[in-house]
Amino acid sequence: MDELKTRLKNDAEQIAIGDSASLQKRIEASLEAERRIPQVGDTTNTRTSLWLASSLTGLVAAALLIAVLNWQDVRTKDADSVGEPARTVDAPTQSFDWSIGDPMVLNVQSADLTRSLEEELANLQADFEKAKENVRKDLDFTF
């Protein structure tokens, strides 16, 4: 572990970190753009107006629905009072034959569901072993 620690420290010391003038300009421009964004004020007025608008819309929709339903009810009562005959639906006169012709022959076999699962488990174990071997090779190559 000490060898790894020293190698990591040596690698970290070799990394040159510096900020260029262009990077400083980009950082300053980003900070300046953020400063120019207007701050959001109090939103309680917006929430209240949104609540009021949605409430009024719901009330108008409910009143309109009640008015349309009552208007249709009045029209149907007026039509009935004129003396139009009531609409009736006659029962169907044809009968349906519910009998089934030739019975169907079913060929039923039990399914072997465990074989495919065993094959899948074997495939997963093989994939796991391959991945483990690849990680070992990478670690041996890196360290």
C-alpha atoms as a PDB file:
ATOM      1  CA  MET A   1       0.000   0.000   0.000  1.00  0.00           C
ATOM      2  CA  ASP A   2       2.910   2.332   0.735  1.00  0.00           C
ATOM      3  CA  GLU A   3       4.310   1.761  -2.746  1.00  0.00           C
ATOM      4  CA  LEU A   4       0.959   2.668  -4.285  1.00  0.00           C
ATOM      5  CA  LYS A   5       0.736   5.744  -2.106  1.00  0.00           C
ATOM      6  CA  THR A   6       4.184   6.964  -3.117  1.00  0.00           C
ATOM      7  CA  ARG A   7       3.494   6.286  -6.805  1.00  0.00           C
ATOM      8  CA  LEU A   8       0.259   8.244  -6.597  1.00  0.00           C
ATOM      9  CA  LYS A   9       2.009  11.153  -4.860  1.00  0.00           C
ATOM     10  CA  ASN A  10       4.737  11.175  -7.525  1.00  0.00           C
ATOM     11  CA  ASP A  11       2.134  11.133 -10.296  1.00  0.00           C
ATOM     12  CA  ALA A  12       0.210  13.952  -8.617  1.00  0.00           C
ATOM     13  CA  GLU A  13       3.353  16.083  -8.335  1.00  0.00           C
ATOM     14  CA  GLN A  14       4.055  15.625 -12.041  1.00  0.00           C
ATOM     15  CA  ILE A  15       0.661  17.023 -13.009  1.00  0.00           C
ATOM     16  CA  ALA A  16       1.107  20.667 -13.884  1.00  0.00           C
ATOM     17  CA  ILE A  17      -1.921  22.705 -12.991  1.00  0.00           C
ATOM     18  CA  GLY A  18      -1.927  26.274 -14.092  1.00  0.00           C
ATOM     19  CA  ASP A  19      -4.504  28.714 -15.205  1.00  0.00           C
ATOM     20  CA  SER A  20      -3.988  30.535 -18.423  1.00  0.00           C
ATOM     21  CA  ALA A  21      -5.133  34.018 -19.274  1.00  0.00           C
ATOM     22  CA  SER A  22      -7.896  32.641 -21.491  1.00  0.00           C
ATOM     23  CA  LEU A  23      -9.191  30.484 -18.631  1.00  0.00           C
ATOM     24  CA  GLN A  24      -9.228  33.501 -16.322  1.00  0.00           C
ATOM     25  CA  LYS A  25     -11.161  35.489 -18.948  1.00  0.00           C
ATOM     26  CA  ARG A  26     -13.731  32.717 -19.309  1.00  0.00           C
ATOM     27  CA  ILE A  27     -14.180  32.472 -15.541  1.00  0.00           C
ATOM     28  CA  GLU A  28     -14.612  36.236 -15.216  1.00  0.00           C
ATOM     29  CA  ALA A  29     -17.075  36.329 -18.113  1.00  0.00           C
ATOM     30  CA  SER A  30     -19.108  33.539 -16.535  1.00  0.00           C
ATOM     31  CA  LEU A  31     -19.185  35.309 -13.176  1.00  0.00           C
ATOM     32  CA  GLU A  32     -20.144  38.603 -14.821  1.00  0.00           C
ATOM     33  CA  ALA A  33     -22.961  36.933 -16.756  1.00  0.00           C
ATOM     34  CA  GLU A  34     -24.268  35.438 -13.513  1.00  0.00           C
ATOM     35  CA  ARG A  35     -24.208  38.852 -11.832  1.00  0.00           C
ATOM     36  CA  ARG A  36     -26.317  40.335 -14.647  1.00  0.00           C
ATOM     37  CA  ILE A  37     -29.161  37.818 -14.149  1.00  0.00           C
ATOM     38  CA  PRO A  38     -31.981  39.651 -12.374  1.00  0.00           C
ATOM     39  CA  GLN A  39     -32.895  38.244  -9.016  1.00  0.00           C
ATOM     40  CA  VAL A  40     -36.363  36.793  -8.681  1.00  0.00           C
ATOM     41  CA  GLY A  41     -38.520  38.829  -6.346  1.00  0.00           C
ATOM     42  CA  ASP A  42     -41.390  37.836  -4.142  1.00  0.00           C
ATOM     43  CA  THR A  43     -43.609  35.283  -5.904  1.00  0.00           C
ATOM     44  CA  THR A  44     -46.588  35.397  -3.533  1.00  0.00           C
ATOM     45  CA  ASN A  45     -48.426  37.845  -5.812  1.00  0.00           C
ATOM     46  CA  THR A  46     -47.904  35.531  -8.790  1.00  0.00           C
ATOM     47  CA  ARG A  47     -49.121  32.529  -6.814  1.00  0.00           C
ATOM     48  CA  THR A  48     -52.213  34.397  -5.647  1.00  0.00           C
ATOM     49  CA  SER A  49     -53.134  35.545  -9.133  1.00  0.00           C
ATOM     50  CA  LEU A  50     -52.597  32.041 -10.532  1.00  0.00           C
ATOM     51  CA  TRP A  51     -54.816  30.585  -7.805  1.00  0.00           C
ATOM     52  CA  LEU A  52     -57.486  33.191  -8.446  1.00  0.00           C
ATOM     53  CA  ALA A  53     -57.420  32.639 -12.218  1.00  0.00           C
ATOM     54  CA  SER A  54     -57.674  28.858 -11.912  1.00  0.00           C
ATOM     55  CA  SER A  55     -60.504  29.131  -9.380  1.00  0.00           C
ATOM     56  CA  LEU A  56     -62.492  31.466 -11.611  1.00  0.00           C
ATOM     57  CA  THR A  57     -61.915  29.204 -14.616  1.00  0.00           C
ATOM     58  CA  GLY A  58     -63.249  26.238 -12.655  1.00  0.00           C
ATOM     59  CA  LEU A  59     -66.320  28.157 -11.531  1.00  0.00           C
ATOM     60  CA  VAL A  60     -67.104  29.333 -15.069  1.00  0.00           C
ATOM     61  CA  ALA A  61     -66.681  25.803 -16.440  1.00  0.00           C
ATOM     62  CA  ALA A  62     -68.986  24.375 -13.764  1.00  0.00           C
ATOM     63  CA  ALA A  63     -71.633  27.044 -14.388  1.00  0.00           C
ATOM     64  CA  LEU A  64     -71.445  26.458 -18.143  1.00  0.00           C
ATOM     65  CA  LEU A  65     -71.837  22.704 -17.688  1.00  0.00           C
ATOM     66  CA  ILE A  66     -74.866  23.155 -15.433  1.00  0.00           C
ATOM     67  CA  ALA A  67     -76.434  25.581 -17.906  1.00  0.00           C
ATOM     68  CA  VAL A  68     -75.917  23.233 -20.882  1.00  0.00           C
ATOM     69  CA  LEU A  69     -77.318  20.231 -19.002  1.00  0.00           C
ATOM     70  CA  ASN A  70     -80.366  22.185 -17.846  1.00  0.00           C
ATOM     71  CA  TRP A  71     -80.937  23.557 -21.357  1.00  0.00           C
ATOM     72  CA  GLN A  72     -80.868  20.033 -22.816  1.00  0.00           C
ATOM     73  CA  ASP A  73     -83.224  18.824 -20.090  1.00  0.00           C
ATOM     74  CA  VAL A  74     -85.663  21.639 -20.882  1.00  0.00           C
ATOM     75  CA  ARG A  75     -85.516  20.825 -24.619  1.00  0.00           C
ATOM     76  CA  THR A  76     -86.301  17.141 -24.043  1.00  0.00           C
ATOM     77  CA  LYS A  77     -89.199  18.004 -21.715  1.00  0.00           C
ATOM     78  CA  ASP A  78     -90.599  20.382 -24.338  1.00  0.00           C
ATOM     79  CA  ALA A  79     -90.308  17.710 -27.022  1.00  0.00           C
ATOM     80  CA  ASP A  80     -92.122  15.185 -24.831  1.00  0.00           C
ATOM     81  CA  SER A  81     -94.891  17.648 -24.064  1.00  0.00           C
ATOM     82  CA  VAL A  82     -95.567  18.265 -27.779  1.00  0.00           C
ATOM     83  CA  GLY A  83     -96.793  14.717 -28.080  1.00  0.00           C
ATOM     84  CA  GLU A  84     -94.022  13.006 -29.966  1.00  0.00           C
ATOM     85  CA  PRO A  85     -94.090   9.279 -29.451  1.00  0.00           C
ATOM     86  CA  ALA A  86     -91.485   7.901 -27.127  1.00  0.00           C
ATOM     87  CA  ARG A  87     -88.637   6.127 -28.810  1.00  0.00           C
ATOM     88  CA  THR A  88     -88.526   2.409 -28.142  1.00  0.00           C
ATOM     89  CA  VAL A  89     -86.039  -0.227 -29.116  1.00  0.00           C
ATOM     90  CA  ASP A  90     -87.323  -3.597 -30.220  1.00  0.00           C
ATOM     91  CA  ALA A  91     -85.681  -6.748 -28.942  1.00  0.00           C
ATOM     92  CA  PRO A  92     -83.669  -8.671 -31.533  1.00  0.00           C
ATOM     93  CA  THR A  93     -85.710 -11.311 -33.305  1.00  0.00           C
ATOM     94  CA  GLN A  94     -82.840 -13.559 -34.349  1.00  0.00           C
ATOM     95  CA  SER A  95     -81.504 -16.119 -31.938  1.00  0.00           C
ATOM     96  CA  PHE A  96     -77.852 -17.028 -31.722  1.00  0.00           C
ATOM     97  CA  ASP A  97     -76.664 -20.613 -31.880  1.00  0.00           C
ATOM     98  CA  TRP A  98     -74.359 -21.042 -28.891  1.00  0.00           C
ATOM     99  CA  SER A  99     -73.383 -24.611 -29.698  1.00  0.00           C
ATOM    100  CA  ILE A 100     -69.817 -25.332 -30.734  1.00  0.00           C
ATOM    101  CA  GLY A 101     -69.181 -27.572 -33.716  1.00  0.00           C
ATOM    102  CA  ASP A 102     -66.331 -30.065 -33.417  1.00  0.00           C
ATOM    103  CA  PRO A 103     -64.462 -29.983 -30.125  1.00  0.00           C
ATOM    104  CA  MET A 104     -60.880 -28.794 -30.410  1.00  0.00           C
ATOM    105  CA  VAL A 105     -58.096 -31.249 -29.646  1.00  0.00           C
ATOM    106  CA  LEU A 106     -55.511 -29.710 -27.363  1.00  0.00           C
ATOM    107  CA  ASN A 107     -51.952 -31.022 -27.376  1.00  0.00           C
ATOM    108  CA  VAL A 108     -50.637 -30.063 -23.959  1.00  0.00           C
ATOM    109  CA  GLN A 109     -47.040 -30.634 -22.882  1.00  0.00           C
ATOM    110  CA  SER A 110     -45.316 -29.523 -19.728  1.00  0.00           C
ATOM    111  CA  ALA A 111     -42.677 -26.847 -20.219  1.00  0.00           C
ATOM    112  CA  ASP A 112     -39.102 -27.273 -19.025  1.00  0.00           C
ATOM    113  CA  LEU A 113     -38.427 -23.795 -17.674  1.00  0.00           C
ATOM    114  CA  THR A 114     -35.367 -24.584 -15.576  1.00  0.00           C
ATOM    115  CA  ARG A 115     -33.046 -25.524 -18.439  1.00  0.00           C
ATOM    116  CA  SER A 116     -32.996 -22.027 -19.929  1.00  0.00           C
ATOM    117  CA  LEU A 117     -32.348 -20.520 -16.502  1.00  0.00           C
ATOM    118  CA  GLU A 118     -29.442 -22.889 -15.908  1.00  0.00           C
ATOM    119  CA  GLU A 119     -27.964 -21.951 -19.279  1.00  0.00           C
ATOM    120  CA  GLU A 120     -28.358 -18.256 -18.472  1.00  0.00           C
ATOM    121  CA  LEU A 121     -26.649 -18.732 -15.106  1.00  0.00           C
ATOM    122  CA  ALA A 122     -23.736 -20.518 -16.778  1.00  0.00           C
ATOM    123  CA  ASN A 123     -23.430 -17.723 -19.343  1.00  0.00           C
ATOM    124  CA  LEU A 124     -23.482 -15.070 -16.617  1.00  0.00           C
ATOM    125  CA  GLN A 125     -20.809 -16.886 -14.631  1.00  0.00           C
ATOM    126  CA  ALA A 126     -18.615 -17.135 -17.736  1.00  0.00           C
ATOM    127  CA  ASP A 127     -19.087 -13.416 -18.431  1.00  0.00           C
ATOM    128  CA  PHE A 128     -18.236 -12.633 -14.819  1.00  0.00           C
ATOM    129  CA  GLU A 129     -15.036 -14.659 -15.009  1.00  0.00           C
ATOM    130  CA  LYS A 130     -14.029 -12.906 -18.255  1.00  0.00           C
ATOM    131  CA  ALA A 131     -14.651  -9.502 -16.693  1.00  0.00           C
ATOM    132  CA  LYS A 132     -12.679 -10.469 -13.585  1.00  0.00           C
ATOM    133  CA  GLU A 133      -9.751 -11.600 -15.731  1.00  0.00           C
ATOM    134  CA  ASN A 134      -9.841  -8.343 -17.717  1.00  0.00           C
ATOM    135  CA  VAL A 135      -9.768  -6.310 -14.500  1.00  0.00           C
ATOM    136  CA  ARG A 136      -6.801  -8.337 -13.237  1.00  0.00           C
ATOM    137  CA  LYS A 137      -4.940  -7.711 -16.500  1.00  0.00           C
ATOM    138  CA  ASP A 138      -5.680  -3.986 -16.298  1.00  0.00           C
ATOM    139  CA  LEU A 139      -4.512  -3.778 -12.692  1.00  0.00           C
ATOM    140  CA  ASP A 140      -1.336  -5.714 -13.485  1.00  0.00           C
ATOM    141  CA  PHE A 141      -0.654  -3.423 -16.429  1.00  0.00           C
ATOM    142  CA  THR A 142      -1.354  -0.247 -14.414  1.00  0.00           C
ATOM    143  CA  PHE A 143       0.612  -1.146 -11.298  1.00  0.00           C
END
